[in-house]
Amino acid sequence: MFFSKFFVPAVALLSAAAGVFASPIAEPAPVNALIEKRGGQDVYNACQHVYDSCHPHIVKITPHAPTVDVVAAVDAIVAVFVQAEVDLAVFVGVDISAQIVAIVNIHIKLLTELFLALKACVAVNASILAKIDIVLKAYLAILARINASLCGKIGAGLPILVQLYINLKLTLCVSLLGLLNISIGINL
C-alpha cells in the first residue's frame, strides 16, 4: 500500500516529464538563412539607405562652400560609409543576382554626384580626397565580397569625366600623401 501510494504518482510524473523532454523542439532559423531567404532585396535597401543618407551631405558640397562646411559634409559622408560597411558585412555570400542592376545604378548615381560635387568645389584638398578614398575602398571591398562583379559594373557605369577625376585626383592625392608621410617619417 505504501509502495503504490508513492510509486504510481512518481512513475506518472517521470513518464510525463520524459514525454515533454523527448519531444522535438524546432530550432530557430539561423540569421544567415533568413537573410538568404530574403535575397538581394535587403542589400538593395541597405544601398538605397546609403544613397539617401549621403545625398543631403553631397548637396552641401558646392563650388564656393567654405572649407569648414565641406569638411563637415565629408565627415558625415564618411560616417555613413563606415556604418554601411558594418551593415553590409552580414550579406556576404547572399545571392543578389536579381537586384544587381538596381544596386549598380544606385552606386553609379551616388558616386557620380559625390565626385562631381568634389570636382566642382574649390575648398577640396588632398586630405579630404584621402578620407573619401580610404572609406570608399573599404566600402567597395565589402560590396566585392558580396558579389565579385559588382565593383566592375559600377566602375564601368561611371561617366568618363568621373573616371578620369578618380584616376587623376584621388590616386595622385593619396600617392602624394603617402609620399609626404614617408618623407615626414624620415625627417623625424
Protein backbone atom coordinates (compact mmCIF):
# COMPACT_ATOMS: atom_id res chain seq x y z
CA MET A 1 0.00 0.00 0.00
CA PHE A 2 2.76 2.41 0.97
CA PHE A 3 4.68 1.44 -2.13
CA SER A 4 1.78 2.09 -4.50
CA LYS A 5 0.86 5.47 -2.97
CA PHE A 6 4.26 6.97 -3.84
CA PHE A 7 5.37 4.82 -6.71
CA VAL A 8 2.41 5.31 -9.09
CA PRO A 9 2.43 9.14 -8.94
CA ALA A 10 6.24 9.21 -9.28
CA VAL A 11 6.12 6.98 -12.35
CA ALA A 12 3.33 9.09 -13.83
CA LEU A 13 5.32 12.27 -13.23
CA LEU A 14 8.50 10.84 -14.71
CA SER A 15 6.72 9.47 -17.76
CA ALA A 16 5.09 12.85 -18.38
CA ALA A 17 8.46 14.58 -17.97
CA ALA A 18 10.08 12.12 -20.36
CA GLY A 19 7.41 12.85 -22.93
CA VAL A 20 7.98 16.57 -22.66
CA PHE A 21 11.77 16.39 -22.79
CA ALA A 22 11.83 13.82 -25.58
CA SER A 23 9.59 15.83 -27.91
CA PRO A 24 11.44 17.63 -30.68
CA ILE A 25 11.76 21.39 -30.43
CA ALA A 26 12.01 23.43 -33.58
CA GLU A 27 15.39 25.09 -33.86
CA PRO A 28 15.26 28.80 -34.65
CA ALA A 29 16.37 29.54 -38.17
CA PRO A 30 19.91 30.92 -38.33
CA VAL A 31 20.23 34.59 -39.21
CA ASN A 32 22.10 33.82 -42.44
CA ALA A 33 19.30 31.53 -43.59
CA LEU A 34 16.79 34.34 -43.04
CA ILE A 35 18.98 36.77 -44.94
CA GLU A 36 19.47 34.34 -47.81
CA LYS A 37 15.72 33.71 -47.92
CA ARG A 38 15.05 37.41 -48.49
CA GLY A 39 17.82 37.59 -51.09
CA GLY A 40 19.23 40.73 -52.58
CA GLN A 41 16.33 42.96 -51.59
CA ASP A 42 17.94 43.68 -48.21
CA VAL A 43 21.23 44.55 -49.91
CA TYR A 44 19.36 46.87 -52.25
CA ASN A 45 17.58 48.50 -49.29
CA ALA A 46 20.89 48.98 -47.46
CA CYS A 47 22.49 50.55 -50.55
CA GLN A 48 19.47 52.80 -51.07
CA HIS A 49 19.81 53.88 -47.44
CA VAL A 50 23.47 54.78 -48.08
CA TYR A 51 22.44 56.96 -51.01
CA ASP A 52 19.57 58.57 -49.09
CA SER A 53 21.89 59.30 -46.15
CA CYS A 54 24.74 60.71 -48.27
CA HIS A 55 22.68 62.83 -50.66
CA PRO A 56 21.87 65.68 -48.20
CA HIS A 57 25.57 65.99 -47.38
CA ILE A 58 26.67 65.87 -51.02
CA VAL A 59 24.33 68.77 -51.78
CA LYS A 60 26.25 70.86 -49.21
CA ILE A 61 29.48 70.47 -51.22
CA THR A 62 29.01 73.43 -53.54
CA PRO A 63 31.63 75.18 -55.69
CA HIS A 64 32.17 78.04 -53.25
CA ALA A 65 31.32 76.32 -49.96
CA PRO A 66 33.63 77.22 -47.06
CA THR A 67 36.20 74.60 -46.16
CA VAL A 68 34.59 74.05 -42.75
CA ASP A 69 31.26 73.12 -44.37
CA VAL A 70 32.93 70.83 -46.89
CA VAL A 71 34.91 69.04 -44.17
CA ALA A 72 31.75 68.60 -42.08
CA ALA A 73 29.85 67.20 -45.08
CA VAL A 74 32.70 64.83 -45.97
CA ASP A 75 32.97 63.65 -42.36
CA ALA A 76 29.22 62.91 -42.36
CA ILE A 77 29.56 61.01 -45.65
CA VAL A 78 32.50 59.04 -44.24
CA ALA A 79 30.41 58.12 -41.18
CA VAL A 80 27.60 56.85 -43.44
CA PHE A 81 30.03 54.69 -45.44
CA VAL A 82 31.64 53.29 -42.28
CA GLN A 83 28.23 52.31 -40.86
CA ALA A 84 27.25 50.84 -44.23
CA GLU A 85 30.33 48.60 -44.19
CA VAL A 86 29.16 47.14 -40.89
CA ASP A 87 25.57 46.78 -42.10
CA LEU A 88 26.55 45.13 -45.39
CA ALA A 89 29.03 42.69 -43.84
CA VAL A 90 26.16 40.34 -42.88
CA PHE A 91 25.20 39.98 -46.55
CA VAL A 92 28.48 38.41 -47.69
CA GLY A 93 27.59 35.30 -49.67
CA VAL A 94 23.97 36.29 -50.29
CA ASP A 95 22.73 35.91 -53.86
CA ILE A 96 21.92 39.39 -55.18
CA SER A 97 21.68 38.49 -58.85
CA ALA A 98 18.03 39.60 -59.06
CA GLN A 99 18.87 43.07 -57.68
CA ILE A 100 22.33 43.63 -59.16
CA VAL A 101 21.26 46.15 -61.82
CA ALA A 102 19.39 48.28 -59.27
CA ILE A 103 22.32 48.14 -56.82
CA VAL A 104 24.77 49.15 -59.56
CA ASN A 105 22.54 52.04 -60.63
CA ILE A 106 22.30 53.37 -57.05
CA HIS A 107 26.07 53.36 -56.70
CA ILE A 108 26.67 54.96 -60.08
CA LYS A 109 24.29 57.76 -59.12
CA LEU A 110 25.88 58.13 -55.67
CA LEU A 111 29.49 58.17 -56.86
CA THR A 112 28.76 60.43 -59.81
CA GLU A 113 27.06 63.01 -57.59
CA LEU A 114 29.81 62.78 -54.98
CA PHE A 115 32.75 63.14 -57.34
CA LEU A 116 31.16 65.86 -59.47
CA ALA A 117 30.49 67.84 -56.29
CA LEU A 118 34.08 67.30 -55.12
CA LYS A 119 35.43 68.24 -58.54
CA ALA A 120 33.49 71.49 -58.64
CA CYS A 121 34.31 72.53 -55.08
CA VAL A 122 37.22 74.93 -54.66
CA ALA A 123 37.75 74.01 -50.98
CA VAL A 124 38.52 70.34 -51.65
CA ASN A 125 42.08 69.50 -50.68
CA ALA A 126 44.24 66.37 -50.53
CA SER A 127 43.20 65.40 -47.01
CA ILE A 128 39.51 65.48 -47.97
CA LEU A 129 40.20 63.34 -51.01
CA ALA A 130 42.24 60.91 -48.92
CA LYS A 131 39.33 60.47 -46.48
CA ILE A 132 36.96 59.74 -49.34
CA ASP A 133 39.45 57.38 -50.99
CA ILE A 134 40.06 55.33 -47.85
CA VAL A 135 36.42 54.93 -46.93
CA LEU A 136 35.35 54.15 -50.50
CA LYS A 137 37.99 51.46 -50.87
CA ALA A 138 36.75 49.73 -47.72
CA TYR A 139 33.10 50.14 -48.76
CA LEU A 140 33.73 48.78 -52.25
CA ALA A 141 35.68 45.87 -50.76
CA ILE A 142 32.56 44.84 -48.82
CA LEU A 143 30.49 45.12 -51.99
CA ALA A 144 33.04 42.98 -53.83
CA ARG A 145 32.78 40.34 -51.11
CA ILE A 146 29.00 40.28 -51.57
CA ASN A 147 29.34 39.93 -55.35
CA ALA A 148 32.69 39.95 -57.12
CA SER A 149 31.41 41.55 -60.33
CA LEU A 150 29.58 44.40 -58.59
CA CYS A 151 32.51 46.83 -58.37
CA GLY A 152 33.50 46.26 -62.00
CA LYS A 153 29.96 47.03 -63.14
CA ILE A 154 29.86 50.17 -61.00
CA GLY A 155 33.21 51.36 -62.38
CA ALA A 156 32.17 50.65 -65.96
CA GLY A 157 28.95 52.58 -65.49
CA LEU A 158 30.55 55.76 -64.19
CA PRO A 159 30.78 58.63 -66.67
CA ILE A 160 34.20 59.14 -68.28
CA LEU A 161 34.63 62.52 -66.57
CA VAL A 162 34.18 60.90 -63.14
CA GLN A 163 36.52 58.03 -64.03
CA LEU A 164 39.22 60.50 -65.06
CA TYR A 165 38.75 62.53 -61.90
CA ILE A 166 39.07 59.41 -59.77
CA ASN A 167 42.17 58.23 -61.60
CA LEU A 168 43.91 61.59 -61.64
CA LYS A 169 42.90 63.35 -58.43
CA LEU A 170 42.20 60.57 -55.99
CA THR A 171 45.08 58.30 -56.89
CA LEU A 172 47.52 61.18 -57.20
CA CYS A 173 46.48 62.77 -53.89
CA VAL A 174 46.68 59.51 -51.99
CA SER A 175 50.07 58.76 -53.53
CA LEU A 176 51.30 62.24 -52.60
CA LEU A 177 50.01 61.89 -49.05
CA GLY A 178 51.75 58.54 -48.78
CA LEU A 179 54.98 60.08 -50.00
CA LEU A 180 54.59 63.02 -47.62
CA ASN A 181 54.03 60.66 -44.71
CA ILE A 182 57.14 58.71 -45.64
CA SER A 183 59.25 61.85 -46.02
CA ILE A 184 57.95 63.26 -42.73
CA GLY A 185 58.81 59.97 -41.04
CA ILE A 186 62.35 60.08 -42.47
CA ASN A 187 62.90 63.68 -41.39
CA LEU A 188 61.82 62.95 -37.83
